[in-house]
């Protein structure tokens, strides 16, 4: 990608205290405690580049609207490690894809999020920004996109993301990194696609064991289940899929 230019500067954040307090009101962000370390910090108006305090990472309003929450679940930690990515490297649609996958596993298949099934179905791509009349640029934020492998779309539910995410990267703020579960913020820009992005489940015998799950997913797709419907359901049920929870969705029955 020698013809790709360096990314543009971050710019001032639009994640004001009022915006973040609305996330709190929507139960998408923790309430700041009266004492001790705050759960989140709104950048100062004069800040044009993130410099999080010790123990904090950079998050975005749009990620919390798409199913990300803290403290983060084990699956989210695995995504960071596997793709060698920091939180700011995930695009909103990538967060949506991961959140939908967890909700499908827990709420429709009745199992914990299945890692082998994830890498069997999904791959990672390097996102490069393209503006009309401008040279291609590496993405300052959201450089990793996650989507279903084209030749395995028939094994999963329709997962096209329809949301317009224009301007999402201006909504950055500082989020407490609970227990150091997320990679520390280094302002890393993804310039190379990790080889793991192409890896799938092998050997064939291991893939065959996933057949019962992909058959169930194909059945759900035939019944009309889509990613959009899954997103609507977990928002209606007030569940944050990528947040560590006491119970998986299939145990969230009346009275529990």
C-alpha atoms as a PDB file:
ATOM      1  CA  UNK A   1       0.000   0.000   0.000  1.00  0.00           C
ATOM      2  CA  UNK A   2       2.784   2.404  -0.911  1.00  0.00           C
ATOM      3  CA  UNK A   3       0.247   4.747  -2.545  1.00  0.00           C
ATOM      4  CA  UNK A   4      -1.719   5.152   0.681  1.00  0.00           C
ATOM      5  CA  UNK A   5      -1.197   8.376   2.634  1.00  0.00           C
ATOM      6  CA  UNK A   6      -0.879   8.843   6.373  1.00  0.00           C
ATOM      7  CA  UNK A   7      -4.205   9.471   8.192  1.00  0.00           C
ATOM      8  CA  UNK A   8      -5.569  12.892   8.995  1.00  0.00           C
ATOM      9  CA  UNK A   9      -5.207  14.248  12.550  1.00  0.00           C
ATOM     10  CA  UNK A  10      -7.860  13.293  15.106  1.00  0.00           C
ATOM     11  CA  UNK A  11      -9.435  16.707  15.540  1.00  0.00           C
ATOM     12  CA  UNK A  12     -11.542  17.948  18.443  1.00  0.00           C
ATOM     13  CA  UNK A  13     -14.015  15.550  19.980  1.00  0.00           C
ATOM     14  CA  UNK A  14     -17.770  16.075  19.963  1.00  0.00           C
ATOM     15  CA  UNK A  15     -18.234  13.726  22.945  1.00  0.00           C
ATOM     16  CA  UNK A  16     -19.225  16.380  25.447  1.00  0.00           C
ATOM     17  CA  UNK A  17     -20.299  15.662  29.005  1.00  0.00           C
ATOM     18  CA  UNK A  18     -23.931  16.033  27.912  1.00  0.00           C
ATOM     19  CA  UNK A  19     -23.482  13.452  25.143  1.00  0.00           C
ATOM     20  CA  UNK A  20     -21.839  10.963  27.509  1.00  0.00           C
ATOM     21  CA  UNK A  21     -24.450  11.537  30.212  1.00  0.00           C
ATOM     22  CA  UNK A  22     -27.085  10.620  27.627  1.00  0.00           C
ATOM     23  CA  UNK A  23     -25.265   7.315  27.106  1.00  0.00           C
ATOM     24  CA  UNK A  24     -25.449   6.826  30.861  1.00  0.00           C
ATOM     25  CA  UNK A  25     -29.178   7.583  30.805  1.00  0.00           C
ATOM     26  CA  UNK A  26     -29.564   5.025  28.008  1.00  0.00           C
ATOM     27  CA  UNK A  27     -27.662   2.491  30.168  1.00  0.00           C
ATOM     28  CA  UNK A  28     -24.923   2.176  27.588  1.00  0.00           C
ATOM     29  CA  UNK A  29     -22.182   3.702  29.758  1.00  0.00           C
ATOM     30  CA  UNK A  30     -21.500   3.358  33.512  1.00  0.00           C
ATOM     31  CA  UNK A  31     -22.443   6.142  35.881  1.00  0.00           C
ATOM     32  CA  UNK A  32     -19.470   8.139  37.094  1.00  0.00           C
ATOM     33  CA  UNK A  33     -18.943   7.488  40.826  1.00  0.00           C
ATOM     34  CA  UNK A  34     -19.073  10.313  43.365  1.00  0.00           C
ATOM     35  CA  UNK A  35     -15.512   9.496  44.428  1.00  0.00           C
ATOM     36  CA  UNK A  36     -12.575   7.617  43.023  1.00  0.00           C
ATOM     37  CA  UNK A  37     -11.553   7.185  39.400  1.00  0.00           C
ATOM     38  CA  UNK A  38     -14.273   8.238  36.924  1.00  0.00           C
ATOM     39  CA  UNK A  39     -15.648   5.593  34.577  1.00  0.00           C
ATOM     40  CA  UNK A  40     -15.306   8.002  31.659  1.00  0.00           C
ATOM     41  CA  UNK A  41     -13.823  11.420  30.931  1.00  0.00           C
ATOM     42  CA  UNK A  42     -14.929  13.887  28.272  1.00  0.00           C
ATOM     43  CA  UNK A  43     -11.961  15.470  26.435  1.00  0.00           C
ATOM     44  CA  UNK A  44     -11.249  19.127  27.073  1.00  0.00           C
ATOM     45  CA  UNK A  45     -12.418  21.514  24.325  1.00  0.00           C
ATOM     46  CA  UNK A  46      -8.824  22.386  23.411  1.00  0.00           C
ATOM     47  CA  UNK A  47      -7.736  18.762  22.965  1.00  0.00           C
ATOM     48  CA  UNK A  48      -7.200  17.832  19.325  1.00  0.00           C
ATOM     49  CA  UNK A  49      -5.532  14.446  19.872  1.00  0.00           C
ATOM     50  CA  UNK A  50      -6.297  11.800  22.493  1.00  0.00           C
ATOM     51  CA  UNK A  51      -3.893  11.532  25.405  1.00  0.00           C
ATOM     52  CA  UNK A  52      -5.735   9.305  27.875  1.00  0.00           C
ATOM     53  CA  UNK A  53      -4.699   9.328  31.527  1.00  0.00           C
ATOM     54  CA  UNK A  54      -3.024   6.250  32.966  1.00  0.00           C
ATOM     55  CA  UNK A  55      -5.518   3.400  33.145  1.00  0.00           C
ATOM     56  CA  UNK A  56      -7.773   4.739  30.365  1.00  0.00           C
ATOM     57  CA  UNK A  57      -8.265   3.916  26.682  1.00  0.00           C
ATOM     58  CA  UNK A  58      -9.932   5.799  23.854  1.00  0.00           C
ATOM     59  CA  UNK A  59     -13.510   4.803  23.085  1.00  0.00           C
ATOM     60  CA  UNK A  60     -16.249   6.265  20.899  1.00  0.00           C
ATOM     61  CA  UNK A  61     -19.899   7.107  21.429  1.00  0.00           C
ATOM     62  CA  UNK A  62     -20.903   5.067  18.381  1.00  0.00           C
ATOM     63  CA  UNK A  63     -19.222   1.884  19.673  1.00  0.00           C
ATOM     64  CA  UNK A  64     -21.344   1.964  22.834  1.00  0.00           C
ATOM     65  CA  UNK A  65     -24.450   2.470  20.721  1.00  0.00           C
ATOM     66  CA  UNK A  66     -23.538  -0.632  18.708  1.00  0.00           C
ATOM     67  CA  UNK A  67     -23.203  -3.168  21.545  1.00  0.00           C
ATOM     68  CA  UNK A  68     -19.857  -2.474  23.226  1.00  0.00           C
ATOM     69  CA  UNK A  69     -19.807  -2.098  27.007  1.00  0.00           C
ATOM     70  CA  UNK A  70     -17.579  -2.302  30.070  1.00  0.00           C
ATOM     71  CA  UNK A  71     -16.317  -4.281  31.764  1.00  0.00           C
ATOM     72  CA  UNK A  72     -15.630  -6.038  28.475  1.00  0.00           C
ATOM     73  CA  UNK A  73     -16.467  -9.686  27.932  1.00  0.00           C
ATOM     74  CA  UNK A  74     -13.915 -12.391  27.197  1.00  0.00           C
ATOM     75  CA  UNK A  75     -14.929 -12.518  23.534  1.00  0.00           C
ATOM     76  CA  UNK A  76     -14.064  -8.837  23.043  1.00  0.00           C
ATOM     77  CA  UNK A  77     -10.707  -9.384  24.700  1.00  0.00           C
ATOM     78  CA  UNK A  78     -10.112 -12.326  22.339  1.00  0.00           C
ATOM     79  CA  UNK A  79     -10.906 -10.154  19.298  1.00  0.00           C
ATOM     80  CA  UNK A  80      -8.308  -7.585  20.385  1.00  0.00           C
ATOM     81  CA  UNK A  81      -5.668 -10.251  20.900  1.00  0.00           C
ATOM     82  CA  UNK A  82      -6.420 -12.258  17.766  1.00  0.00           C
ATOM     83  CA  UNK A  83      -6.456  -9.280  15.381  1.00  0.00           C
ATOM     84  CA  UNK A  84      -3.736  -7.392  17.294  1.00  0.00           C
ATOM     85  CA  UNK A  85      -5.992  -4.373  17.528  1.00  0.00           C
ATOM     86  CA  UNK A  86      -6.741  -1.674  20.093  1.00  0.00           C
ATOM     87  CA  UNK A  87     -10.289  -0.548  20.805  1.00  0.00           C
ATOM     88  CA  UNK A  88     -10.019   2.502  18.552  1.00  0.00           C
ATOM     89  CA  UNK A  89      -9.076   0.236  15.617  1.00  0.00           C
ATOM     90  CA  UNK A  90     -12.551  -1.371  15.535  1.00  0.00           C
ATOM     91  CA  UNK A  91     -15.104   0.278  13.277  1.00  0.00           C
ATOM     92  CA  UNK A  92     -18.720   0.646  14.481  1.00  0.00           C
ATOM     93  CA  UNK A  93     -19.853  -2.019  12.000  1.00  0.00           C
ATOM     94  CA  UNK A  94     -17.179  -4.395  13.318  1.00  0.00           C
ATOM     95  CA  UNK A  95     -18.512  -3.906  16.834  1.00  0.00           C
ATOM     96  CA  UNK A  96     -22.020  -4.532  15.503  1.00  0.00           C
ATOM     97  CA  UNK A  97     -20.936  -7.758  13.807  1.00  0.00           C
ATOM     98  CA  UNK A  98     -19.311  -9.053  17.000  1.00  0.00           C
ATOM     99  CA  UNK A  99     -22.302  -8.028  19.135  1.00  0.00           C
ATOM    100  CA  UNK A 100     -24.741  -9.717  16.740  1.00  0.00           C
ATOM    101  CA  UNK A 101     -22.656 -12.891  16.698  1.00  0.00           C
ATOM    102  CA  UNK A 102     -22.685 -13.120  20.504  1.00  0.00           C
ATOM    103  CA  UNK A 103     -26.418 -12.418  20.640  1.00  0.00           C
ATOM    104  CA  UNK A 104     -27.082 -15.080  17.982  1.00  0.00           C
ATOM    105  CA  UNK A 105     -24.980 -17.675  19.822  1.00  0.00           C
ATOM    106  CA  UNK A 106     -26.523 -16.963  23.221  1.00  0.00           C
ATOM    107  CA  UNK A 107     -30.055 -15.965  22.297  1.00  0.00           C
ATOM    108  CA  UNK A 108     -30.817 -18.206  19.309  1.00  0.00           C
ATOM    109  CA  UNK A 109     -28.397 -21.157  19.435  1.00  0.00           C
ATOM    110  CA  UNK A 110     -28.433 -21.379  23.238  1.00  0.00           C
ATOM    111  CA  UNK A 111     -24.648 -21.608  23.587  1.00  0.00           C
ATOM    112  CA  UNK A 112     -21.802 -19.400  24.780  1.00  0.00           C
ATOM    113  CA  UNK A 113     -20.112 -17.347  22.063  1.00  0.00           C
ATOM    114  CA  UNK A 114     -18.251 -19.959  20.002  1.00  0.00           C
ATOM    115  CA  UNK A 115     -14.752 -18.870  18.957  1.00  0.00           C
ATOM    116  CA  UNK A 116     -14.175 -21.585  16.338  1.00  0.00           C
ATOM    117  CA  UNK A 117     -17.507 -20.723  14.747  1.00  0.00           C
ATOM    118  CA  UNK A 118     -16.479 -17.053  14.621  1.00  0.00           C
ATOM    119  CA  UNK A 119     -13.203 -17.607  12.776  1.00  0.00           C
ATOM    120  CA  UNK A 120     -14.890 -20.176  10.524  1.00  0.00           C
ATOM    121  CA  UNK A 121     -17.443 -17.575   9.405  1.00  0.00           C
ATOM    122  CA  UNK A 122     -15.681 -14.209   9.727  1.00  0.00           C
ATOM    123  CA  UNK A 123     -12.550 -12.544   8.435  1.00  0.00           C
ATOM    124  CA  UNK A 124     -10.849  -9.216   9.102  1.00  0.00           C
ATOM    125  CA  UNK A 125     -10.062  -6.588   6.484  1.00  0.00           C
ATOM    126  CA  UNK A 126      -7.935  -3.455   6.535  1.00  0.00           C
ATOM    127  CA  UNK A 127     -10.075  -0.369   5.946  1.00  0.00           C
ATOM    128  CA  UNK A 128      -8.557   2.464   3.931  1.00  0.00           C
ATOM    129  CA  UNK A 129     -10.443   5.746   3.722  1.00  0.00           C
ATOM    130  CA  UNK A 130     -11.310   6.972   0.245  1.00  0.00           C
ATOM    131  CA  UNK A 131     -12.567  10.517  -0.250  1.00  0.00           C
ATOM    132  CA  UNK A 132     -13.590  11.697  -3.718  1.00  0.00           C
ATOM    133  CA  UNK A 133     -10.704  13.523  -5.342  1.00  0.00           C
ATOM    134  CA  UNK A 134      -8.339  12.741  -2.456  1.00  0.00           C
ATOM    135  CA  UNK A 135      -5.596  10.091  -2.125  1.00  0.00           C
ATOM    136  CA  UNK A 136      -6.324   6.958  -0.127  1.00  0.00           C
ATOM    137  CA  UNK A 137      -5.510   7.279   3.562  1.00  0.00           C
ATOM    138  CA  UNK A 138      -4.984   4.855   6.406  1.00  0.00           C
ATOM    139  CA  UNK A 139      -7.777   5.104   8.969  1.00  0.00           C
ATOM    140  CA  UNK A 140      -6.836   6.853  12.193  1.00  0.00           C
ATOM    141  CA  UNK A 141      -9.705   4.995  13.860  1.00  0.00           C
ATOM    142  CA  UNK A 142     -11.754   2.048  12.636  1.00  0.00           C
ATOM    143  CA  UNK A 143      -9.009   0.501  10.531  1.00  0.00           C
ATOM    144  CA  UNK A 144     -10.290  -3.035  11.157  1.00  0.00           C
ATOM    145  CA  UNK A 145     -13.490  -4.249   9.534  1.00  0.00           C
ATOM    146  CA  UNK A 146     -15.017  -7.641  10.331  1.00  0.00           C
ATOM    147  CA  UNK A 147     -17.434  -9.345   7.972  1.00  0.00           C
ATOM    148  CA  UNK A 148     -18.659 -12.761   6.916  1.00  0.00           C
ATOM    149  CA  UNK A 149     -16.405 -14.643   4.512  1.00  0.00           C
ATOM    150  CA  UNK A 150     -18.038 -14.256   1.061  1.00  0.00           C
ATOM    151  CA  UNK A 151     -18.076 -17.995   0.336  1.00  0.00           C
ATOM    152  CA  UNK A 152     -19.732 -18.797   3.687  1.00  0.00           C
ATOM    153  CA  UNK A 153     -22.575 -16.289   3.663  1.00  0.00           C
ATOM    154  CA  UNK A 154     -25.003 -19.151   3.162  1.00  0.00           C
ATOM    155  CA  UNK A 155     -23.928 -20.517   6.562  1.00  0.00           C
ATOM    156  CA  UNK A 156     -24.952 -17.386   8.504  1.00  0.00           C
ATOM    157  CA  UNK A 157     -27.831 -14.977   8.791  1.00  0.00           C
ATOM    158  CA  UNK A 158     -27.934 -11.898   6.473  1.00  0.00           C
ATOM    159  CA  UNK A 159     -25.539  -9.473   8.159  1.00  0.00           C
ATOM    160  CA  UNK A 160     -25.421  -6.335   6.037  1.00  0.00           C
ATOM    161  CA  UNK A 161     -25.000  -3.264   8.222  1.00  0.00           C
ATOM    162  CA  UNK A 162     -27.231  -0.417   7.055  1.00  0.00           C
ATOM    163  CA  UNK A 163     -26.296   2.305   9.552  1.00  0.00           C
ATOM    164  CA  UNK A 164     -24.617   5.483   8.324  1.00  0.00           C
ATOM    165  CA  UNK A 165     -21.509   6.014  10.455  1.00  0.00           C
ATOM    166  CA  UNK A 166     -20.389   9.310   8.926  1.00  0.00           C
ATOM    167  CA  UNK A 167     -18.405  11.387  11.420  1.00  0.00           C
ATOM    168  CA  UNK A 168     -18.378   8.671  14.076  1.00  0.00           C
ATOM    169  CA  UNK A 169     -14.646   9.044  14.805  1.00  0.00           C
ATOM    170  CA  UNK A 170     -15.174  12.572  16.156  1.00  0.00           C
ATOM    171  CA  UNK A 171     -17.033  11.145  19.141  1.00  0.00           C
ATOM    172  CA  UNK A 172     -13.938  10.004  21.041  1.00  0.00           C
ATOM    173  CA  UNK A 173     -13.544  10.087  24.806  1.00  0.00           C
ATOM    174  CA  UNK A 174     -11.582   8.427  27.598  1.00  0.00           C
ATOM    175  CA  UNK A 175     -12.871   5.192  29.082  1.00  0.00           C
ATOM    176  CA  UNK A 176     -11.557   3.513  32.202  1.00  0.00           C
ATOM    177  CA  UNK A 177      -9.756   0.292  31.259  1.00  0.00           C
ATOM    178  CA  UNK A 178     -11.251  -1.945  33.940  1.00  0.00           C
ATOM    179  CA  UNK A 179      -8.662  -4.476  35.206  1.00  0.00           C
ATOM    180  CA  UNK A 180      -6.496  -3.676  32.169  1.00  0.00           C
ATOM    181  CA  UNK A 181      -8.716  -5.963  30.088  1.00  0.00           C
ATOM    182  CA  UNK A 182      -8.269  -3.960  26.879  1.00  0.00           C
ATOM    183  CA  UNK A 183      -4.938  -3.253  25.170  1.00  0.00           C
ATOM    184  CA  UNK A 184      -3.392   0.021  26.305  1.00  0.00           C
ATOM    185  CA  UNK A 185      -3.889   2.929  23.915  1.00  0.00           C
ATOM    186  CA  UNK A 186      -0.799   3.592  21.788  1.00  0.00           C
ATOM    187  CA  UNK A 187      -2.478   5.584  18.980  1.00  0.00           C
ATOM    188  CA  UNK A 188      -1.674   2.694  16.671  1.00  0.00           C
ATOM    189  CA  UNK A 189      -2.764   2.971  13.048  1.00  0.00           C
ATOM    190  CA  UNK A 190      -3.353  -0.335  11.252  1.00  0.00           C
ATOM    191  CA  UNK A 191      -1.183  -0.331   8.135  1.00  0.00           C
ATOM    192  CA  UNK A 192      -0.860  -4.054   7.512  1.00  0.00           C
ATOM    193  CA  UNK A 193      -3.421  -6.814   7.506  1.00  0.00           C
ATOM    194  CA  UNK A 194      -2.476  -9.534  10.021  1.00  0.00           C
ATOM    195  CA  UNK A 195      -2.094 -12.981   8.393  1.00  0.00           C
ATOM    196  CA  UNK A 196      -4.579 -14.348  10.930  1.00  0.00           C
ATOM    197  CA  UNK A 197      -7.324 -12.458   9.123  1.00  0.00           C
ATOM    198  CA  UNK A 198      -7.349 -15.205   6.477  1.00  0.00           C
ATOM    199  CA  UNK A 199      -7.116 -18.163   8.822  1.00  0.00           C
ATOM    200  CA  UNK A 200     -10.090 -20.404   9.350  1.00  0.00           C
ATOM    201  CA  UNK A 201     -10.824 -23.518  11.335  1.00  0.00           C
ATOM    202  CA  UNK A 202      -8.830 -26.600  10.371  1.00  0.00           C
ATOM    203  CA  UNK A 203      -8.491 -29.541   9.949  1.00  0.00           C
ATOM    204  CA  UNK A 204     -11.664 -30.534   8.043  1.00  0.00           C
ATOM    205  CA  UNK A 205     -12.751 -32.810  10.895  1.00  0.00           C
ATOM    206  CA  UNK A 206     -12.923 -29.763  13.163  1.00  0.00           C
ATOM    207  CA  UNK A 207     -14.934 -27.866  10.558  1.00  0.00           C
ATOM    208  CA  UNK A 208     -17.350 -30.777  10.348  1.00  0.00           C
ATOM    209  CA  UNK A 209     -18.109 -30.434  14.059  1.00  0.00           C
ATOM    210  CA  UNK A 210     -19.432 -26.928  13.347  1.00  0.00           C
ATOM    211  CA  UNK A 211     -21.981 -28.315  10.888  1.00  0.00           C
ATOM    212  CA  UNK A 212     -24.757 -28.631  13.457  1.00  0.00           C
ATOM    213  CA  UNK A 213     -24.313 -24.930  14.309  1.00  0.00           C
ATOM    214  CA  UNK A 214     -24.121 -23.671  10.721  1.00  0.00           C
ATOM    215  CA  UNK A 215     -27.174 -25.804   9.862  1.00  0.00           C
ATOM    216  CA  UNK A 216     -29.046 -24.115  12.705  1.00  0.00           C
ATOM    217  CA  UNK A 217     -27.916 -20.687  11.488  1.00  0.00           C
ATOM    218  CA  UNK A 218     -29.037 -21.451   7.943  1.00  0.00           C
ATOM    219  CA  UNK A 219     -32.414 -22.510   9.352  1.00  0.00           C
ATOM    220  CA  UNK A 220     -32.708 -19.215  11.269  1.00  0.00           C
ATOM    221  CA  UNK A 221     -31.878 -17.328   8.079  1.00  0.00           C
ATOM    222  CA  UNK A 222     -34.610 -19.183   6.169  1.00  0.00           C
ATOM    223  CA  UNK A 223     -37.043 -18.190   8.926  1.00  0.00           C
ATOM    224  CA  UNK A 224     -36.176 -14.543   8.247  1.00  0.00           C
ATOM    225  CA  UNK A 225     -33.702 -13.730  11.018  1.00  0.00           C
ATOM    226  CA  UNK A 226     -31.327 -10.902  10.083  1.00  0.00           C
ATOM    227  CA  UNK A 227     -28.600  -8.972  11.865  1.00  0.00           C
ATOM    228  CA  UNK A 228     -30.897  -5.932  11.964  1.00  0.00           C
ATOM    229  CA  UNK A 229     -33.538  -7.954  13.817  1.00  0.00           C
ATOM    230  CA  UNK A 230     -30.962  -9.253  16.311  1.00  0.00           C
ATOM    231  CA  UNK A 231     -29.747  -5.701  17.005  1.00  0.00           C
ATOM    232  CA  UNK A 232     -33.311  -4.520  17.567  1.00  0.00           C
ATOM    233  CA  UNK A 233     -33.912  -7.422  19.961  1.00  0.00           C
ATOM    234  CA  UNK A 234     -30.882  -6.893  22.174  1.00  0.00           C
ATOM    235  CA  UNK A 235     -31.581  -3.168  22.387  1.00  0.00           C
ATOM    236  CA  UNK A 236     -35.208  -3.871  23.315  1.00  0.00           C
ATOM    237  CA  UNK A 237     -34.070  -6.341  25.988  1.00  0.00           C
ATOM    238  CA  UNK A 238     -31.486  -3.838  27.332  1.00  0.00           C
ATOM    239  CA  UNK A 239     -28.615  -6.286  26.793  1.00  0.00           C
ATOM    240  CA  UNK A 240     -25.089  -5.155  25.907  1.00  0.00           C
ATOM    241  CA  UNK A 241     -23.605  -8.200  24.145  1.00  0.00           C
ATOM    242  CA  UNK A 242     -19.921  -7.220  24.364  1.00  0.00           C
ATOM    243  CA  UNK A 243     -20.112  -6.469  28.081  1.00  0.00           C
ATOM    244  CA  UNK A 244     -19.227  -8.994  30.757  1.00  0.00           C
ATOM    245  CA  UNK A 245     -22.515 -10.226  32.212  1.00  0.00           C
ATOM    246  CA  UNK A 246     -23.448 -12.453  35.132  1.00  0.00           C
ATOM    247  CA  UNK A 247     -25.688 -14.556  32.877  1.00  0.00           C
ATOM    248  CA  UNK A 248     -25.677 -15.384  29.160  1.00  0.00           C
ATOM    249  CA  UNK A 249     -28.765 -14.349  27.217  1.00  0.00           C
ATOM    250  CA  UNK A 250     -30.232 -17.877  27.231  1.00  0.00           C
ATOM    251  CA  UNK A 251     -30.390 -17.730  31.047  1.00  0.00           C
ATOM    252  CA  UNK A 252     -32.075 -14.312  31.167  1.00  0.00           C
ATOM    253  CA  UNK A 253     -35.471 -15.757  31.910  1.00  0.00           C
ATOM    254  CA  UNK A 254     -38.256 -14.136  33.949  1.00  0.00           C
ATOM    255  CA  UNK A 255     -37.306 -14.008  37.596  1.00  0.00           C
ATOM    256  CA  UNK A 256     -33.515 -14.249  37.130  1.00  0.00           C
END
